[in-house]
Structures are given as structure tokens and as C-alpha cells.
Amino acid sequence: MSNDIQTYRLTWQGIVVEITYDPTGWGIVAHLQVESLAPPRAALPITETGYRSHFIPCGMIEELGGDVIAQVKAWLDEEARSLEWRKRVEADRQGELFRF
């Protein structure tokens, strides 16, 4: 792991999310960690467990403007458009009697 690790926080749809970005720690790939903090481990459209470890090519975030928060928010927003996520949000809003 490198010493270039960056940590950010954002609130996405009422969920506090921590983002840890290591742009060079893995040599040819950068490492991005996304974790919901409040509520703890709340599901996100990119992870049911509230935690996601994701590898991307080094320099990719920087090529897209370098704004880690904006890019993770865009990723969450994009995945939130999925039918599966929209069904989950609706079920959470209405409550489910037989959710296992």
C-alpha cells in the first residue's frame, strides 16, 4: 500500500458513505473502498453489505477530472437507476412482512 491514500465522506440519499482511494498502492491498479457508515453497513446500489472494494486502472479517476467524491456519487446514482435497486427502495419504504 502506498502513502497516497485519500479518505473522503459524502452523504448519499441520507446515508453517510466513506470512500478510501489508493491511486497507486497496487502498482498497475488503483484501489477504491466504499463503506456506508451511518447507518452502519447500509445497503447501497453497488453493494448489499454496505462495503465494496473495487479495483480500477491507475489514473482512471484522474483522467475523469480527479474528483473522487463526484465519481463515486455518479456511480451510486447510475446503479440506483436499476430496477433491482428501485424495487429494494420501494420494499424498504413499504416494509415487507416476509423478508428473509
PDB file of N, CA and C in Angstrom:
ATOM      1  N   MET A   1       0.839  -1.182   0.000  1.00  0.00           N
ATOM      2  CA  MET A   1       0.000   0.000   0.000  1.00  0.00           C
ATOM      3  C   MET A   1       0.885   1.246   0.000  1.00  0.00           C
ATOM      4  N   SER A   2       0.386   2.257  -0.652  1.00  0.00           N
ATOM      5  CA  SER A   2       1.174   3.485  -0.747  1.00  0.00           C
ATOM      6  C   SER A   2       0.791   4.465   0.357  1.00  0.00           C
ATOM      7  N   ASN A   3       1.536   5.560   0.412  1.00  0.00           N
ATOM      8  CA  ASN A   3       1.226   6.634   1.359  1.00  0.00           C
ATOM      9  C   ASN A   3       0.292   7.671   0.755  1.00  0.00           C
ATOM     10  N   ASP A   4      -0.202   7.401  -0.461  1.00  0.00           N
ATOM     11  CA  ASP A   4      -1.069   8.345  -1.168  1.00  0.00           C
ATOM     12  C   ASP A   4      -2.547   8.113  -0.876  1.00  0.00           C
ATOM     13  N   ILE A   5      -2.870   7.347   0.139  1.00  0.00           N
ATOM     14  CA  ILE A   5      -4.257   7.006   0.430  1.00  0.00           C
ATOM     15  C   ILE A   5      -5.039   8.259   0.800  1.00  0.00           C
ATOM     16  N   GLN A   6      -6.205   8.395   0.183  1.00  0.00           N
ATOM     17  CA  GLN A   6      -7.082   9.547   0.394  1.00  0.00           C
ATOM     18  C   GLN A   6      -8.401   9.041   0.967  1.00  0.00           C
ATOM     19  N   THR A   7      -8.957   9.773   1.925  1.00  0.00           N
ATOM     20  CA  THR A   7     -10.228   9.394   2.530  1.00  0.00           C
ATOM     21  C   THR A   7     -11.211  10.546   2.388  1.00  0.00           C
ATOM     22  N   TYR A   8     -12.425  10.205   1.994  1.00  0.00           N
ATOM     23  CA  TYR A   8     -13.473  11.198   1.773  1.00  0.00           C
ATOM     24  C   TYR A   8     -14.764  10.710   2.410  1.00  0.00           C
ATOM     25  N   ARG A   9     -15.674  11.641   2.640  1.00  0.00           N
ATOM     26  CA  ARG A   9     -17.023  11.289   3.095  1.00  0.00           C
ATOM     27  C   ARG A   9     -18.032  12.076   2.278  1.00  0.00           C
ATOM     28  N   LEU A  10     -19.150  11.425   2.043  1.00  0.00           N
ATOM     29  CA  LEU A  10     -20.266  12.085   1.387  1.00  0.00           C
ATOM     30  C   LEU A  10     -21.549  11.521   1.964  1.00  0.00           C
ATOM     31  N   THR A  11     -22.618  12.278   1.840  1.00  0.00           N
ATOM     32  CA  THR A  11     -23.938  11.775   2.217  1.00  0.00           C
ATOM     33  C   THR A  11     -24.696  11.555   0.927  1.00  0.00           C
ATOM     34  N   TRP A  12     -25.097  10.313   0.728  1.00  0.00           N
ATOM     35  CA  TRP A  12     -25.830   9.927  -0.473  1.00  0.00           C
ATOM     36  C   TRP A  12     -27.188   9.384  -0.046  1.00  0.00           C
ATOM     37  N   GLN A  13     -28.234  10.065  -0.455  1.00  0.00           N
ATOM     38  CA  GLN A  13     -29.607   9.682  -0.128  1.00  0.00           C
ATOM     39  C   GLN A  13     -29.767   9.352   1.358  1.00  0.00           C
ATOM     40  N   GLY A  14     -29.206  10.206   2.202  1.00  0.00           N
ATOM     41  CA  GLY A  14     -29.343  10.063   3.638  1.00  0.00           C
ATOM     42  C   GLY A  14     -28.374   9.087   4.290  1.00  0.00           C
ATOM     43  N   ILE A  15     -27.494   8.480   3.512  1.00  0.00           N
ATOM     44  CA  ILE A  15     -26.524   7.514   4.024  1.00  0.00           C
ATOM     45  C   ILE A  15     -25.133   8.157   4.004  1.00  0.00           C
ATOM     46  N   VAL A  16     -24.461   8.160   5.153  1.00  0.00           N
ATOM     47  CA  VAL A  16     -23.093   8.677   5.204  1.00  0.00           C
ATOM     48  C   VAL A  16     -22.171   7.584   4.666  1.00  0.00           C
ATOM     49  N   VAL A  17     -21.394   7.936   3.666  1.00  0.00           N
ATOM     50  CA  VAL A  17     -20.526   6.991   2.967  1.00  0.00           C
ATOM     51  C   VAL A  17     -19.077   7.447   3.094  1.00  0.00           C
ATOM     52  N   GLU A  18     -18.205   6.512   3.442  1.00  0.00           N
ATOM     53  CA  GLU A  18     -16.773   6.804   3.465  1.00  0.00           C
ATOM     54  C   GLU A  18     -16.129   6.154   2.241  1.00  0.00           C
ATOM     55  N   ILE A  19     -15.271   6.926   1.602  1.00  0.00           N
ATOM     56  CA  ILE A  19     -14.558   6.465   0.414  1.00  0.00           C
ATOM     57  C   ILE A  19     -13.071   6.516   0.720  1.00  0.00           C
ATOM     58  N   THR A  20     -12.383   5.428   0.487  1.00  0.00           N
ATOM     59  CA  THR A  20     -10.936   5.392   0.624  1.00  0.00           C
ATOM     60  C   THR A  20     -10.371   5.084  -0.755  1.00  0.00           C
ATOM     61  N   TYR A  21      -9.467   5.922  -1.198  1.00  0.00           N
ATOM     62  CA  TYR A  21      -8.900   5.791  -2.540  1.00  0.00           C
ATOM     63  C   TYR A  21      -7.388   5.725  -2.450  1.00  0.00           C
ATOM     64  N   ASP A  22      -6.827   4.668  -2.999  1.00  0.00           N
ATOM     65  CA  ASP A  22      -5.372   4.500  -3.071  1.00  0.00           C
ATOM     66  C   ASP A  22      -5.005   4.482  -4.554  1.00  0.00           C
ATOM     67  N   PRO A  23      -4.545   5.611  -5.081  1.00  0.00           N
ATOM     68  CA  PRO A  23      -4.323   5.725  -6.526  1.00  0.00           C
ATOM     69  C   PRO A  23      -3.151   4.920  -7.071  1.00  0.00           C
ATOM     70  N   THR A  24      -2.201   4.520  -6.214  1.00  0.00           N
ATOM     71  CA  THR A  24      -1.004   3.851  -6.733  1.00  0.00           C
ATOM     72  C   THR A  24      -0.565   2.630  -5.936  1.00  0.00           C
ATOM     73  N   GLY A  25      -1.267   2.303  -4.900  1.00  0.00           N
ATOM     74  CA  GLY A  25      -0.821   1.276  -3.969  1.00  0.00           C
ATOM     75  C   GLY A  25      -0.686  -0.123  -4.525  1.00  0.00           C
ATOM     76  N   TRP A  26      -1.318  -0.414  -5.623  1.00  0.00           N
ATOM     77  CA  TRP A  26      -1.275  -1.771  -6.173  1.00  0.00           C
ATOM     78  C   TRP A  26      -0.493  -1.819  -7.491  1.00  0.00           C
ATOM     79  N   GLY A  27       0.303  -0.805  -7.756  1.00  0.00           N
ATOM     80  CA  GLY A  27       1.117  -0.810  -8.976  1.00  0.00           C
ATOM     81  C   GLY A  27       0.340  -0.409 -10.206  1.00  0.00           C
ATOM     82  N   ILE A  28      -0.272  -1.372 -10.873  1.00  0.00           N
ATOM     83  CA  ILE A  28      -0.995  -1.071 -12.114  1.00  0.00           C
ATOM     84  C   ILE A  28      -2.477  -0.825 -11.898  1.00  0.00           C
ATOM     85  N   VAL A  29      -2.958  -1.062 -10.692  1.00  0.00           N
ATOM     86  CA  VAL A  29      -4.370  -0.794 -10.404  1.00  0.00           C
ATOM     87  C   VAL A  29      -4.492   0.065  -9.154  1.00  0.00           C
ATOM     88  N   ALA A  30      -5.479   0.932  -9.173  1.00  0.00           N
ATOM     89  CA  ALA A  30      -5.818   1.747  -8.009  1.00  0.00           C
ATOM     90  C   ALA A  30      -6.897   1.002  -7.228  1.00  0.00           C
ATOM     91  N   HIS A  31      -7.001   1.320  -5.948  1.00  0.00           N
ATOM     92  CA  HIS A  31      -7.963   0.636  -5.095  1.00  0.00           C
ATOM     93  C   HIS A  31      -8.933   1.648  -4.503  1.00  0.00           C
ATOM     94  N   LEU A  32     -10.215   1.331  -4.636  1.00  0.00           N
ATOM     95  CA  LEU A  32     -11.282   2.184  -4.139  1.00  0.00           C
ATOM     96  C   LEU A  32     -12.116   1.357  -3.168  1.00  0.00           C
ATOM     97  N   GLN A  33     -12.342   1.888  -1.961  1.00  0.00           N
ATOM     98  CA  GLN A  33     -13.202   1.233  -0.979  1.00  0.00           C
ATOM     99  C   GLN A  33     -14.352   2.177  -0.665  1.00  0.00           C
ATOM    100  N   VAL A  34     -15.552   1.625  -0.659  1.00  0.00           N
ATOM    101  CA  VAL A  34     -16.747   2.404  -0.359  1.00  0.00           C
ATOM    102  C   VAL A  34     -17.477   1.686   0.772  1.00  0.00           C
ATOM    103  N   GLU A  35     -17.769   2.428   1.851  1.00  0.00           N
ATOM    104  CA  GLU A  35     -18.436   1.817   3.002  1.00  0.00           C
ATOM    105  C   GLU A  35     -19.475   2.765   3.578  1.00  0.00           C
ATOM    106  N   SER A  36     -20.665   2.245   3.816  1.00  0.00           N
ATOM    107  CA  SER A  36     -21.687   3.069   4.462  1.00  0.00           C
ATOM    108  C   SER A  36     -21.437   3.065   5.968  1.00  0.00           C
ATOM    109  N   LEU A  37     -21.406   4.269   6.548  1.00  0.00           N
ATOM    110  CA  LEU A  37     -21.100   4.432   7.971  1.00  0.00           C
ATOM    111  C   LEU A  37     -22.339   4.694   8.819  1.00  0.00           C
ATOM    112  N   ALA A  38     -23.285   5.457   8.299  1.00  0.00           N
ATOM    113  CA  ALA A  38     -24.476   5.802   9.067  1.00  0.00           C
ATOM    114  C   ALA A  38     -25.679   5.809   8.132  1.00  0.00           C
ATOM    115  N   PRO A  39     -26.561   4.868   8.273  1.00  0.00           N
ATOM    116  CA  PRO A  39     -26.468   3.740   9.189  1.00  0.00           C
ATOM    117  C   PRO A  39     -25.318   2.805   8.814  1.00  0.00           C
ATOM    118  N   PRO A  40     -24.768   2.133   9.819  1.00  0.00           N
ATOM    119  CA  PRO A  40     -23.634   1.244   9.557  1.00  0.00           C
ATOM    120  C   PRO A  40     -23.997   0.129   8.577  1.00  0.00           C
ATOM    121  N   ARG A  41     -23.137  -0.023   7.606  1.00  0.00           N
ATOM    122  CA  ARG A  41     -23.274  -1.097   6.602  1.00  0.00           C
ATOM    123  C   ARG A  41     -24.639  -1.122   5.910  1.00  0.00           C
ATOM    124  N   ALA A  42     -25.239   0.050   5.733  1.00  0.00           N
ATOM    125  CA  ALA A  42     -26.496   0.149   4.991  1.00  0.00           C
ATOM    126  C   ALA A  42     -26.238  -0.244   3.543  1.00  0.00           C
ATOM    127  N   ALA A  43     -27.187  -0.942   2.966  1.00  0.00           N
ATOM    128  CA  ALA A  43     -27.063  -1.341   1.563  1.00  0.00           C
ATOM    129  C   ALA A  43     -26.949  -0.106   0.671  1.00  0.00           C
ATOM    130  N   LEU A  44     -26.163  -0.253  -0.363  1.00  0.00           N
ATOM    131  CA  LEU A  44     -26.012   0.762  -1.397  1.00  0.00           C
ATOM    132  C   LEU A  44     -26.261   0.067  -2.735  1.00  0.00           C
ATOM    133  N   PRO A  45     -26.540   0.810  -3.780  1.00  0.00           N
ATOM    134  CA  PRO A  45     -26.805   0.157  -5.056  1.00  0.00           C
ATOM    135  C   PRO A  45     -25.593  -0.587  -5.631  1.00  0.00           C
ATOM    136  N   ILE A  46     -24.408  -0.350  -5.077  1.00  0.00           N
ATOM    137  CA  ILE A  46     -23.212  -1.064  -5.547  1.00  0.00           C
ATOM    138  C   ILE A  46     -22.817  -2.198  -4.610  1.00  0.00           C
ATOM    139  N   THR A  47     -23.543  -2.343  -3.474  1.00  0.00           N
ATOM    140  CA  THR A  47     -23.242  -3.401  -2.517  1.00  0.00           C
ATOM    141  C   THR A  47     -24.400  -3.609  -1.547  1.00  0.00           C
ATOM    142  N   GLU A  48     -24.808  -4.842  -1.380  1.00  0.00           N
ATOM    143  CA  GLU A  48     -25.869  -5.152  -0.422  1.00  0.00           C
ATOM    144  C   GLU A  48     -25.356  -5.106   1.014  1.00  0.00           C
ATOM    145  N   THR A  49     -24.045  -5.281   1.197  1.00  0.00           N
ATOM    146  CA  THR A  49     -23.467  -5.365   2.536  1.00  0.00           C
ATOM    147  C   THR A  49     -23.009  -4.017   3.088  1.00  0.00           C
ATOM    148  N   GLY A  50     -23.040  -2.986   2.270  1.00  0.00           N
ATOM    149  CA  GLY A  50     -22.573  -1.680   2.723  1.00  0.00           C
ATOM    150  C   GLY A  50     -21.079  -1.493   2.594  1.00  0.00           C
ATOM    151  N   TYR A  51     -20.390  -2.460   1.992  1.00  0.00           N
ATOM    152  CA  TYR A  51     -18.942  -2.345   1.772  1.00  0.00           C
ATOM    153  C   TYR A  51     -18.615  -2.854   0.376  1.00  0.00           C
ATOM    154  N   ARG A  52     -17.771  -2.101  -0.325  1.00  0.00           N
ATOM    155  CA  ARG A  52     -17.346  -2.518  -1.656  1.00  0.00           C
ATOM    156  C   ARG A  52     -15.878  -2.179  -1.839  1.00  0.00           C
ATOM    157  N   SER A  53     -15.099  -3.165  -2.235  1.00  0.00           N
ATOM    158  CA  SER A  53     -13.704  -2.993  -2.611  1.00  0.00           C
ATOM    159  C   SER A  53     -13.665  -3.116  -4.124  1.00  0.00           C
ATOM    160  N   HIS A  54     -13.064  -2.129  -4.785  1.00  0.00           N
ATOM    161  CA  HIS A  54     -13.120  -2.078  -6.244  1.00  0.00           C
ATOM    162  C   HIS A  54     -11.762  -1.652  -6.801  1.00  0.00           C
ATOM    163  N   PHE A  55     -11.280  -2.357  -7.794  1.00  0.00           N
ATOM    164  CA  PHE A  55     -10.006  -2.043  -8.427  1.00  0.00           C
ATOM    165  C   PHE A  55     -10.252  -1.430  -9.793  1.00  0.00           C
ATOM    166  N   ILE A  56      -9.506  -0.372 -10.086  1.00  0.00           N
ATOM    167  CA  ILE A  56      -9.616   0.323 -11.364  1.00  0.00           C
ATOM    168  C   ILE A  56      -8.208   0.617 -11.874  1.00  0.00           C
ATOM    169  N   PRO A  57      -8.059   0.846 -13.181  1.00  0.00           N
ATOM    170  CA  PRO A  57      -6.731   1.172 -13.701  1.00  0.00           C
ATOM    171  C   PRO A  57      -6.188   2.455 -13.066  1.00  0.00           C
ATOM    172  N   CYS A  58      -4.906   2.462 -12.754  1.00  0.00           N
ATOM    173  CA  CYS A  58      -4.269   3.671 -12.229  1.00  0.00           C
ATOM    174  C   CYS A  58      -4.506   4.831 -13.195  1.00  0.00           C
ATOM    175  N   GLY A  59      -4.839   5.975 -12.654  1.00  0.00           N
ATOM    176  CA  GLY A  59      -5.030   7.175 -13.460  1.00  0.00           C
ATOM    177  C   GLY A  59      -6.434   7.364 -13.988  1.00  0.00           C
ATOM    178  N   MET A  60      -7.292   6.369 -13.855  1.00  0.00           N
ATOM    179  CA  MET A  60      -8.638   6.477 -14.418  1.00  0.00           C
ATOM    180  C   MET A  60      -9.434   7.617 -13.778  1.00  0.00           C
ATOM    181  N   ILE A  61      -9.421   7.698 -12.471  1.00  0.00           N
ATOM    182  CA  ILE A  61     -10.155   8.773 -11.791  1.00  0.00           C
ATOM    183  C   ILE A  61      -9.564  10.129 -12.155  1.00  0.00           C
ATOM    184  N   GLU A  62      -8.256  10.192 -12.209  1.00  0.00           N
ATOM    185  CA  GLU A  62      -7.590  11.448 -12.556  1.00  0.00           C
ATOM    186  C   GLU A  62      -7.926  11.865 -13.994  1.00  0.00           C
ATOM    187  N   GLU A  63      -8.004  10.915 -14.911  1.00  0.00           N
ATOM    188  CA  GLU A  63      -8.360  11.219 -16.300  1.00  0.00           C
ATOM    189  C   GLU A  63      -9.778  11.756 -16.417  1.00  0.00           C
ATOM    190  N   LEU A  64     -10.627  11.378 -15.462  1.00  0.00           N
ATOM    191  CA  LEU A  64     -12.019  11.826 -15.469  1.00  0.00           C
ATOM    192  C   LEU A  64     -12.225  13.077 -14.609  1.00  0.00           C
ATOM    193  N   GLY A  65     -11.151  13.785 -14.298  1.00  0.00           N
ATOM    194  CA  GLY A  65     -11.238  15.036 -13.567  1.00  0.00           C
ATOM    195  C   GLY A  65     -10.684  14.990 -12.159  1.00  0.00           C
ATOM    196  N   GLY A  66     -10.471  13.790 -11.614  1.00  0.00           N
ATOM    197  CA  GLY A  66      -9.823  13.659 -10.314  1.00  0.00           C
ATOM    198  C   GLY A  66     -10.709  13.841  -9.092  1.00  0.00           C
ATOM    199  N   ASP A  67     -11.989  14.096  -9.287  1.00  0.00           N
ATOM    200  CA  ASP A  67     -12.892  14.302  -8.156  1.00  0.00           C
ATOM    201  C   ASP A  67     -13.473  12.956  -7.720  1.00  0.00           C
ATOM    202  N   VAL A  68     -12.863  12.357  -6.714  1.00  0.00           N
ATOM    203  CA  VAL A  68     -13.249  11.023  -6.246  1.00  0.00           C
ATOM    204  C   VAL A  68     -14.699  11.018  -5.780  1.00  0.00           C
ATOM    205  N   ILE A  69     -15.084  12.011  -4.995  1.00  0.00           N
ATOM    206  CA  ILE A  69     -16.456  12.065  -4.478  1.00  0.00           C
ATOM    207  C   ILE A  69     -17.466  12.137  -5.615  1.00  0.00           C
ATOM    208  N   ALA A  70     -17.230  13.006  -6.577  1.00  0.00           N
ATOM    209  CA  ALA A  70     -18.164  13.154  -7.696  1.00  0.00           C
ATOM    210  C   ALA A  70     -18.279  11.857  -8.493  1.00  0.00           C
ATOM    211  N   GLN A  71     -17.170  11.160  -8.660  1.00  0.00           N
ATOM    212  CA  GLN A  71     -17.212   9.935  -9.448  1.00  0.00           C
ATOM    213  C   GLN A  71     -17.899   8.798  -8.703  1.00  0.00           C
ATOM    214  N   VAL A  72     -17.692   8.691  -7.397  1.00  0.00           N
ATOM    215  CA  VAL A  72     -18.399   7.669  -6.628  1.00  0.00           C
ATOM    216  C   VAL A  72     -19.892   8.002  -6.576  1.00  0.00           C
ATOM    217  N   LYS A  73     -20.225   9.276  -6.405  1.00  0.00           N
ATOM    218  CA  LYS A  73     -21.636   9.679  -6.409  1.00  0.00           C
ATOM    219  C   LYS A  73     -22.286   9.345  -7.748  1.00  0.00           C
ATOM    220  N   ALA A  74     -21.592   9.601  -8.834  1.00  0.00           N
ATOM    221  CA  ALA A  74     -22.127   9.271 -10.153  1.00  0.00           C
ATOM    222  C   ALA A  74     -22.333   7.762 -10.305  1.00  0.00           C
ATOM    223  N   TRP A  75     -21.403   6.974  -9.770  1.00  0.00           N
ATOM    224  CA  TRP A  75     -21.512   5.507  -9.799  1.00  0.00           C
ATOM    225  C   TRP A  75     -22.749   5.063  -9.005  1.00  0.00           C
ATOM    226  N   LEU A  76     -22.920   5.613  -7.803  1.00  0.00           N
ATOM    227  CA  LEU A  76     -24.094   5.281  -6.995  1.00  0.00           C
ATOM    228  C   LEU A  76     -25.383   5.690  -7.699  1.00  0.00           C
ATOM    229  N   ASP A  77     -25.403   6.906  -8.244  1.00  0.00           N
ATOM    230  CA  ASP A  77     -26.597   7.392  -8.942  1.00  0.00           C
ATOM    231  C   ASP A  77     -26.938   6.508 -10.139  1.00  0.00           C
ATOM    232  N   GLU A  78     -25.930   6.115 -10.888  1.00  0.00           N
ATOM    233  CA  GLU A  78     -26.152   5.267 -12.061  1.00  0.00           C
ATOM    234  C   GLU A  78     -26.737   3.915 -11.651  1.00  0.00           C
ATOM    235  N   GLU A  79     -26.137   3.290 -10.664  1.00  0.00           N
ATOM    236  CA  GLU A  79     -26.614   1.977 -10.215  1.00  0.00           C
ATOM    237  C   GLU A  79     -27.986   2.075  -9.544  1.00  0.00           C
ATOM    238  N   ALA A  80     -28.303   3.230  -8.959  1.00  0.00           N
ATOM    239  CA  ALA A  80     -29.602   3.422  -8.318  1.00  0.00           C
ATOM    240  C   ALA A  80     -30.740   3.460  -9.326  1.00  0.00           C
ATOM    241  N   ARG A  81     -30.433   3.609 -10.599  1.00  0.00           N
ATOM    242  CA  ARG A  81     -31.453   3.599 -11.647  1.00  0.00           C
ATOM    243  C   ARG A  81     -31.913   2.180 -11.994  1.00  0.00           C
ATOM    244  N   SER A  82     -31.197   1.181 -11.497  1.00  0.00           N
ATOM    245  CA  SER A  82     -31.542  -0.199 -11.839  1.00  0.00           C
ATOM    246  C   SER A  82     -32.895  -0.582 -11.250  1.00  0.00           C
ATOM    247  N   LEU A  83     -33.592  -1.470 -11.925  1.00  0.00           N
ATOM    248  CA  LEU A  83     -34.885  -1.940 -11.452  1.00  0.00           C
ATOM    249  C   LEU A  83     -34.747  -2.634 -10.102  1.00  0.00           C
ATOM    250  N   GLU A  84     -33.685  -3.406  -9.935  1.00  0.00           N
ATOM    251  CA  GLU A  84     -33.465  -4.113  -8.676  1.00  0.00           C
ATOM    252  C   GLU A  84     -33.366  -3.138  -7.498  1.00  0.00           C
ATOM    253  N   TRP A  85     -32.593  -2.072  -7.662  1.00  0.00           N
ATOM    254  CA  TRP A  85     -32.436  -1.105  -6.575  1.00  0.00           C
ATOM    255  C   TRP A  85     -33.749  -0.372  -6.311  1.00  0.00           C
ATOM    256  N   ARG A  86     -34.443   0.019  -7.361  1.00  0.00           N
ATOM    257  CA  ARG A  86     -35.713   0.726  -7.177  1.00  0.00           C
ATOM    258  C   ARG A  86     -36.727  -0.151  -6.453  1.00  0.00           C
ATOM    259  N   LYS A  87     -36.739  -1.450  -6.753  1.00  0.00           N
ATOM    260  CA  LYS A  87     -37.626  -2.376  -6.043  1.00  0.00           C
ATOM    261  C   LYS A  87     -37.240  -2.463  -4.567  1.00  0.00           C
ATOM    262  N   ARG A  88     -35.955  -2.493  -4.305  1.00  0.00           N
ATOM    263  CA  ARG A  88     -35.486  -2.568  -2.916  1.00  0.00           C
ATOM    264  C   ARG A  88     -35.899  -1.325  -2.134  1.00  0.00           C
ATOM    265  N   VAL A  89     -35.711  -0.164  -2.722  1.00  0.00           N
ATOM    266  CA  VAL A  89     -36.093   1.091  -2.054  1.00  0.00           C
ATOM    267  C   VAL A  89     -37.594   1.099  -1.778  1.00  0.00           C
ATOM    268  N   GLU A  90     -38.379   0.685  -2.737  1.00  0.00           N
ATOM    269  CA  GLU A  90     -39.829   0.645  -2.562  1.00  0.00           C
ATOM    270  C   GLU A  90     -40.225  -0.349  -1.476  1.00  0.00           C
ATOM    271  N   ALA A  91     -39.602  -1.519  -1.468  1.00  0.00           N
ATOM    272  CA  ALA A  91     -39.899  -2.526  -0.438  1.00  0.00           C
ATOM    273  C   ALA A  91     -39.508  -2.007   0.943  1.00  0.00           C
ATOM    274  N   ASP A  92     -38.372  -1.324   1.042  1.00  0.00           N
ATOM    275  CA  ASP A  92     -37.946  -0.759   2.326  1.00  0.00           C
ATOM    276  C   ASP A  92     -38.923   0.314   2.804  1.00  0.00           C
ATOM    277  N   ARG A  93     -39.432   1.091   1.856  1.00  0.00           N
ATOM    278  CA  ARG A  93     -40.361   2.162   2.205  1.00  0.00           C
ATOM    279  C   ARG A  93     -41.687   1.583   2.712  1.00  0.00           C
ATOM    280  N   GLN A  94     -42.159   0.518   2.058  1.00  0.00           N
ATOM    281  CA  GLN A  94     -43.448  -0.072   2.424  1.00  0.00           C
ATOM    282  C   GLN A  94     -43.326  -1.094   3.541  1.00  0.00           C
ATOM    283  N   GLY A  95     -42.144  -1.669   3.682  1.00  0.00           N
ATOM    284  CA  GLY A  95     -41.957  -2.750   4.648  1.00  0.00           C
ATOM    285  C   GLY A  95     -42.405  -4.072   4.035  1.00  0.00           C
ATOM    286  N   GLU A  96     -41.743  -5.128   4.409  1.00  0.00           N
ATOM    287  CA  GLU A  96     -42.081  -6.456   3.898  1.00  0.00           C
ATOM    288  C   GLU A  96     -42.341  -7.376   5.060  1.00  0.00           C
ATOM    289  N   LEU A  97     -43.438  -8.085   5.004  1.00  0.00           N
ATOM    290  CA  LEU A  97     -43.787  -8.999   6.057  1.00  0.00           C
ATOM    291  C   LEU A  97     -42.923 -10.254   6.061  1.00  0.00           C
ATOM    292  N   PHE A  98     -42.504 -10.700   4.884  1.00  0.00           N
ATOM    293  CA  PHE A  98     -41.780 -11.965   4.776  1.00  0.00           C
ATOM    294  C   PHE A  98     -40.388 -11.807   4.189  1.00  0.00           C
ATOM    295  N   ARG A  99     -39.659 -10.802   4.563  1.00  0.00           N
ATOM    296  CA  ARG A  99     -38.302 -10.605   4.062  1.00  0.00           C
ATOM    297  C   ARG A  99     -37.335 -11.441   4.890  1.00  0.00           C
ATOM    298  N   PHE A 100     -36.524 -12.228   4.217  1.00  0.00           N
ATOM    299  CA  PHE A 100     -35.567 -13.103   4.902  1.00  0.00           C
ATOM    300  C   PHE A 100     -34.170 -12.700   4.594  1.00  0.00           C
TER     301      PHE A 100
END
